[in-house]
């Protein structure tokens, strides 16, 4: 879910920051619902812009495995995004980031155990 009218913020984040592709809505639902769809690899994110928007807590999130996590973290921090570190795990580096609407993403990169 996203705040009504937040379409450009969504595009700035999902396309500009996370490098996703915006997907046109199917003609069957275009115009009936206030939605934006984005694709990242073989996954899709569907955002609904509705009046009953409620921010989501960090406990509910999507986890994306990325390469170059440190470079991405640096880019996100430079852009002013709030990075939230969580409990360290032995086999991966990770952090959380909210999108402009409070939907959380865990971004992580596995590494070899020493």
C-alpha atoms as a PDB file:
ATOM      1  CA  UNK A   1       0.000   0.000   0.000  1.00  0.00           C
ATOM      2  CA  UNK A   2       1.058   3.548  -0.570  1.00  0.00           C
ATOM      3  CA  UNK A   3      -0.265   6.975   0.258  1.00  0.00           C
ATOM      4  CA  UNK A   4      -2.743   8.403  -2.236  1.00  0.00           C
ATOM      5  CA  UNK A   5      -1.015  10.664  -4.738  1.00  0.00           C
ATOM      6  CA  UNK A   6       2.445   9.166  -4.077  1.00  0.00           C
ATOM      7  CA  UNK A   7       2.947   7.908  -7.624  1.00  0.00           C
ATOM      8  CA  UNK A   8       6.055   9.966  -8.429  1.00  0.00           C
ATOM      9  CA  UNK A   9       7.638   9.132  -5.061  1.00  0.00           C
ATOM     10  CA  UNK A  10       7.014   5.464  -5.836  1.00  0.00           C
ATOM     11  CA  UNK A  11       8.625   5.774  -9.263  1.00  0.00           C
ATOM     12  CA  UNK A  12      11.572   7.691  -7.808  1.00  0.00           C
ATOM     13  CA  UNK A  13      12.168   4.894  -5.278  1.00  0.00           C
ATOM     14  CA  UNK A  14      11.343   1.718  -7.186  1.00  0.00           C
ATOM     15  CA  UNK A  15      12.781   2.816 -10.543  1.00  0.00           C
ATOM     16  CA  UNK A  16      15.348   5.424  -9.502  1.00  0.00           C
ATOM     17  CA  UNK A  17      16.761   3.763  -6.386  1.00  0.00           C
ATOM     18  CA  UNK A  18      16.034   0.035  -6.739  1.00  0.00           C
ATOM     19  CA  UNK A  19      16.371   0.035 -10.553  1.00  0.00           C
ATOM     20  CA  UNK A  20      13.068  -1.779 -11.108  1.00  0.00           C
ATOM     21  CA  UNK A  21      11.014  -1.568 -14.280  1.00  0.00           C
ATOM     22  CA  UNK A  22       7.469  -0.176 -14.270  1.00  0.00           C
ATOM     23  CA  UNK A  23       4.992  -2.627 -15.786  1.00  0.00           C
ATOM     24  CA  UNK A  24       1.838  -1.363 -17.503  1.00  0.00           C
ATOM     25  CA  UNK A  25      -1.350  -2.522 -15.834  1.00  0.00           C
ATOM     26  CA  UNK A  26      -3.395  -5.102 -17.723  1.00  0.00           C
ATOM     27  CA  UNK A  27      -6.253  -3.483 -19.624  1.00  0.00           C
ATOM     28  CA  UNK A  28      -8.717  -5.466 -17.501  1.00  0.00           C
ATOM     29  CA  UNK A  29      -7.816  -3.492 -14.364  1.00  0.00           C
ATOM     30  CA  UNK A  30      -6.352  -0.263 -15.763  1.00  0.00           C
ATOM     31  CA  UNK A  31      -8.635   2.589 -14.756  1.00  0.00           C
ATOM     32  CA  UNK A  32     -10.481   0.499 -12.167  1.00  0.00           C
ATOM     33  CA  UNK A  33      -7.772   0.548  -9.495  1.00  0.00           C
ATOM     34  CA  UNK A  34      -5.152   3.117  -8.513  1.00  0.00           C
ATOM     35  CA  UNK A  35      -2.096   0.869  -8.845  1.00  0.00           C
ATOM     36  CA  UNK A  36       1.511   0.851  -9.995  1.00  0.00           C
ATOM     37  CA  UNK A  37       3.322  -2.377 -10.815  1.00  0.00           C
ATOM     38  CA  UNK A  38       7.101  -2.834 -10.843  1.00  0.00           C
ATOM     39  CA  UNK A  39       9.301  -5.770 -11.887  1.00  0.00           C
ATOM     40  CA  UNK A  40      12.650  -6.807 -10.426  1.00  0.00           C
ATOM     41  CA  UNK A  41      14.120  -9.935 -12.051  1.00  0.00           C
ATOM     42  CA  UNK A  42      11.312 -12.511 -11.762  1.00  0.00           C
ATOM     43  CA  UNK A  43       9.455 -10.729  -8.954  1.00  0.00           C
ATOM     44  CA  UNK A  44       6.718  -8.111  -9.136  1.00  0.00           C
ATOM     45  CA  UNK A  45       5.754  -5.439  -6.623  1.00  0.00           C
ATOM     46  CA  UNK A  46       2.183  -4.124  -6.743  1.00  0.00           C
ATOM     47  CA  UNK A  47       1.463  -0.834  -4.986  1.00  0.00           C
ATOM     48  CA  UNK A  48      -2.084   0.238  -4.248  1.00  0.00           C
ATOM     49  CA  UNK A  49      -2.685   3.946  -3.622  1.00  0.00           C
ATOM     50  CA  UNK A  50      -5.714   3.957  -1.361  1.00  0.00           C
ATOM     51  CA  UNK A  51      -7.360   6.114   1.273  1.00  0.00           C
ATOM     52  CA  UNK A  52      -7.050   3.365   3.896  1.00  0.00           C
ATOM     53  CA  UNK A  53      -3.219   3.476   3.869  1.00  0.00           C
ATOM     54  CA  UNK A  54      -1.601   2.167   7.078  1.00  0.00           C
ATOM     55  CA  UNK A  55       2.228   2.037   7.381  1.00  0.00           C
ATOM     56  CA  UNK A  56       3.661  -1.476   7.699  1.00  0.00           C
ATOM     57  CA  UNK A  57       6.010  -2.414  10.571  1.00  0.00           C
ATOM     58  CA  UNK A  58       9.532  -3.706   9.788  1.00  0.00           C
ATOM     59  CA  UNK A  59       8.442  -7.209  10.831  1.00  0.00           C
ATOM     60  CA  UNK A  60       6.549  -7.487   7.539  1.00  0.00           C
ATOM     61  CA  UNK A  61       8.928  -7.017   4.662  1.00  0.00           C
ATOM     62  CA  UNK A  62      10.262  -8.309   1.368  1.00  0.00           C
ATOM     63  CA  UNK A  63      13.815  -9.631   1.290  1.00  0.00           C
ATOM     64  CA  UNK A  64      15.901  -9.094  -1.846  1.00  0.00           C
ATOM     65  CA  UNK A  65      19.252 -10.775  -2.379  1.00  0.00           C
ATOM     66  CA  UNK A  66      21.620  -8.350  -4.097  1.00  0.00           C
ATOM     67  CA  UNK A  67      25.251  -8.217  -5.114  1.00  0.00           C
ATOM     68  CA  UNK A  68      27.312  -5.189  -4.219  1.00  0.00           C
ATOM     69  CA  UNK A  69      25.407  -4.531  -0.978  1.00  0.00           C
ATOM     70  CA  UNK A  70      27.991  -2.092   0.411  1.00  0.00           C
ATOM     71  CA  UNK A  71      27.931  -0.031  -2.794  1.00  0.00           C
ATOM     72  CA  UNK A  72      24.122   0.002  -2.723  1.00  0.00           C
ATOM     73  CA  UNK A  73      24.122   1.013   0.957  1.00  0.00           C
ATOM     74  CA  UNK A  74      26.476   3.905   0.205  1.00  0.00           C
ATOM     75  CA  UNK A  75      24.224   5.053  -2.654  1.00  0.00           C
ATOM     76  CA  UNK A  76      21.089   4.857  -0.492  1.00  0.00           C
ATOM     77  CA  UNK A  77      22.708   6.762   2.403  1.00  0.00           C
ATOM     78  CA  UNK A  78      23.987   9.440   0.001  1.00  0.00           C
ATOM     79  CA  UNK A  79      20.419   9.817  -1.292  1.00  0.00           C
ATOM     80  CA  UNK A  80      19.186  10.410   2.272  1.00  0.00           C
ATOM     81  CA  UNK A  81      17.443   7.088   2.901  1.00  0.00           C
ATOM     82  CA  UNK A  82      17.270   5.799   6.473  1.00  0.00           C
ATOM     83  CA  UNK A  83      19.164   2.510   6.823  1.00  0.00           C
ATOM     84  CA  UNK A  84      18.073   0.200   9.633  1.00  0.00           C
ATOM     85  CA  UNK A  85      20.524  -2.453  10.766  1.00  0.00           C
ATOM     86  CA  UNK A  86      19.165  -5.569  12.438  1.00  0.00           C
ATOM     87  CA  UNK A  87      20.705  -8.561  14.188  1.00  0.00           C
ATOM     88  CA  UNK A  88      23.937  -9.599  12.438  1.00  0.00           C
ATOM     89  CA  UNK A  89      23.876 -13.008  10.777  1.00  0.00           C
ATOM     90  CA  UNK A  90      27.028 -15.067  10.205  1.00  0.00           C
ATOM     91  CA  UNK A  91      26.429 -15.934   6.554  1.00  0.00           C
ATOM     92  CA  UNK A  92      25.189 -12.625   5.175  1.00  0.00           C
ATOM     93  CA  UNK A  93      25.364  -8.858   5.364  1.00  0.00           C
ATOM     94  CA  UNK A  94      22.014  -7.105   5.446  1.00  0.00           C
ATOM     95  CA  UNK A  95      20.032  -4.019   6.330  1.00  0.00           C
ATOM     96  CA  UNK A  96      16.454  -2.774   6.104  1.00  0.00           C
ATOM     97  CA  UNK A  97      15.163   0.251   4.262  1.00  0.00           C
ATOM     98  CA  UNK A  98      11.621   1.614   4.042  1.00  0.00           C
ATOM     99  CA  UNK A  99      10.219   2.858   0.786  1.00  0.00           C
ATOM    100  CA  UNK A 100       8.517   6.292   0.884  1.00  0.00           C
ATOM    101  CA  UNK A 101       5.306   4.639   2.175  1.00  0.00           C
ATOM    102  CA  UNK A 102       6.695   2.578   5.075  1.00  0.00           C
ATOM    103  CA  UNK A 103       6.871  -0.750   3.218  1.00  0.00           C
ATOM    104  CA  UNK A 104      10.099  -2.424   4.337  1.00  0.00           C
ATOM    105  CA  UNK A 105      12.763  -4.185   2.308  1.00  0.00           C
ATOM    106  CA  UNK A 106      15.558  -6.305   3.662  1.00  0.00           C
ATOM    107  CA  UNK A 107      18.502  -6.065   1.290  1.00  0.00           C
ATOM    108  CA  UNK A 108      21.081  -8.789   1.829  1.00  0.00           C
ATOM    109  CA  UNK A 109      24.153 -10.381   0.320  1.00  0.00           C
ATOM    110  CA  UNK A 110      25.434 -13.834   1.275  1.00  0.00           C
ATOM    111  CA  UNK A 111      29.139 -14.321   1.924  1.00  0.00           C
ATOM    112  CA  UNK A 112      31.367 -17.298   2.655  1.00  0.00           C
ATOM    113  CA  UNK A 113      31.667 -18.301   6.297  1.00  0.00           C
ATOM    114  CA  UNK A 114      35.200 -17.970   7.640  1.00  0.00           C
END
